[in-house]
Every structure is written in structure tokens, then in C-alpha cells.
Amino acid sequence: MKVGSTYHAVQAVSLGRLELTEKTVQAPGPGKVRIRIEAS
């Protein structure tokens, strides 16, 4: 996955309310890594 691409996420917007959103992938900061989950 390259920086600048997007991914879908479920976000809590209020108590008991979830919303599907599209977020931009950002480069990990110092001392952090990015992992990709293939299945869960």
C-alpha cells in the first residue's frame, strides 16, 4: 500500500452510532510500523 492511497474504516460518531468512512493512509511516524491484516 503506498502513501496517499485510502482505506475504509468504521468510525464511532456518537453513542451507539457507527459510520463507514474513507481515510487517507499516512506514513508511520518514528518508531512505528504499518501492518496489513489479510483476514480476521
N, C-alpha and C. Protein backbone atom coordinates (compact mmCIF):
# COMPACT_ATOMS: atom_id res chain seq x y z
N MET A 1 0.85 -1.18 0.00
CA MET A 1 0.00 0.00 0.00
C MET A 1 0.89 1.24 0.00
N LYS A 2 0.68 2.11 -0.91
CA LYS A 2 1.51 3.31 -0.98
C LYS A 2 0.90 4.47 -0.21
N VAL A 3 1.73 5.36 0.24
CA VAL A 3 1.26 6.55 0.94
C VAL A 3 0.43 7.38 -0.03
N GLY A 4 -0.68 7.90 0.44
CA GLY A 4 -1.55 8.69 -0.42
C GLY A 4 -2.77 7.91 -0.86
N SER A 5 -2.75 6.57 -0.67
CA SER A 5 -3.94 5.80 -1.01
C SER A 5 -4.92 5.86 0.16
N THR A 6 -6.08 5.27 -0.01
CA THR A 6 -7.11 5.35 1.02
C THR A 6 -7.53 3.96 1.49
N TYR A 7 -8.24 3.94 2.61
CA TYR A 7 -8.80 2.70 3.13
C TYR A 7 -10.17 3.01 3.77
N HIS A 8 -10.98 1.98 3.94
CA HIS A 8 -12.28 2.15 4.56
C HIS A 8 -12.18 1.79 6.03
N ALA A 9 -12.89 2.53 6.86
CA ALA A 9 -12.89 2.30 8.31
C ALA A 9 -14.29 2.55 8.86
N VAL A 10 -14.58 1.88 9.96
CA VAL A 10 -15.82 2.14 10.69
C VAL A 10 -15.46 3.06 11.85
N GLN A 11 -16.16 4.16 11.96
CA GLN A 11 -15.84 5.20 12.95
C GLN A 11 -17.05 5.42 13.86
N ALA A 12 -16.80 5.49 15.18
CA ALA A 12 -17.86 5.83 16.12
C ALA A 12 -18.07 7.34 16.07
N VAL A 13 -19.27 7.77 15.71
CA VAL A 13 -19.55 9.21 15.58
C VAL A 13 -20.35 9.74 16.76
N SER A 14 -21.06 8.87 17.46
CA SER A 14 -21.76 9.24 18.69
C SER A 14 -22.13 7.95 19.40
N LEU A 15 -22.67 8.06 20.58
CA LEU A 15 -23.02 6.89 21.37
C LEU A 15 -23.99 5.99 20.60
N GLY A 16 -23.55 4.77 20.28
CA GLY A 16 -24.39 3.82 19.57
C GLY A 16 -24.50 4.05 18.08
N ARG A 17 -23.74 4.96 17.51
CA ARG A 17 -23.82 5.25 16.07
C ARG A 17 -22.46 5.09 15.42
N LEU A 18 -22.40 4.19 14.42
CA LEU A 18 -21.18 3.94 13.67
C LEU A 18 -21.39 4.41 12.24
N GLU A 19 -20.29 4.77 11.60
CA GLU A 19 -20.36 5.30 10.24
C GLU A 19 -19.17 4.76 9.43
N LEU A 20 -19.42 4.35 8.19
CA LEU A 20 -18.36 3.91 7.30
C LEU A 20 -17.71 5.15 6.70
N THR A 21 -16.38 5.26 6.81
CA THR A 21 -15.67 6.42 6.28
C THR A 21 -14.50 5.98 5.42
N GLU A 22 -14.00 6.87 4.62
CA GLU A 22 -12.80 6.63 3.82
C GLU A 22 -11.70 7.52 4.37
N LYS A 23 -10.58 6.92 4.70
CA LYS A 23 -9.46 7.65 5.31
C LYS A 23 -8.24 7.57 4.41
N THR A 24 -7.35 8.54 4.54
CA THR A 24 -6.10 8.56 3.79
C THR A 24 -5.01 7.85 4.58
N VAL A 25 -4.28 6.97 3.92
CA VAL A 25 -3.16 6.28 4.56
C VAL A 25 -2.04 7.28 4.77
N GLN A 26 -1.49 7.32 5.99
CA GLN A 26 -0.38 8.22 6.28
C GLN A 26 0.85 7.39 6.63
N ALA A 27 2.01 7.93 6.35
CA ALA A 27 3.26 7.25 6.67
C ALA A 27 3.39 7.10 8.19
N PRO A 28 3.88 5.94 8.66
CA PRO A 28 4.06 5.77 10.10
C PRO A 28 5.15 6.71 10.62
N GLY A 29 4.97 7.17 11.85
CA GLY A 29 5.94 8.06 12.48
C GLY A 29 7.16 7.30 12.98
N PRO A 30 8.13 8.00 13.53
CA PRO A 30 9.33 7.37 14.06
C PRO A 30 8.99 6.33 15.12
N GLY A 31 9.60 5.16 15.02
CA GLY A 31 9.38 4.09 15.99
C GLY A 31 8.07 3.34 15.79
N LYS A 32 7.35 3.59 14.70
CA LYS A 32 6.08 2.91 14.43
C LYS A 32 6.18 2.13 13.12
N VAL A 33 5.30 1.14 12.96
CA VAL A 33 5.26 0.35 11.74
C VAL A 33 3.81 0.25 11.26
N ARG A 34 3.63 -0.09 10.01
CA ARG A 34 2.30 -0.32 9.46
C ARG A 34 2.20 -1.81 9.16
N ILE A 35 1.08 -2.41 9.54
CA ILE A 35 0.85 -3.82 9.22
C ILE A 35 -0.41 -3.92 8.37
N ARG A 36 -0.49 -4.95 7.58
CA ARG A 36 -1.66 -5.20 6.75
C ARG A 36 -2.32 -6.48 7.25
N ILE A 37 -3.60 -6.41 7.57
CA ILE A 37 -4.33 -7.58 8.00
C ILE A 37 -5.01 -8.18 6.78
N GLU A 38 -4.70 -9.42 6.48
CA GLU A 38 -5.27 -10.08 5.31
C GLU A 38 -6.63 -10.68 5.62
N ALA A 39 -6.84 -11.16 6.85
CA ALA A 39 -8.13 -11.76 7.23
C ALA A 39 -8.27 -11.71 8.74
N SER A 40 -9.49 -11.74 9.17
CA SER A 40 -9.73 -11.82 10.62
C SER A 40 -10.99 -12.61 10.87
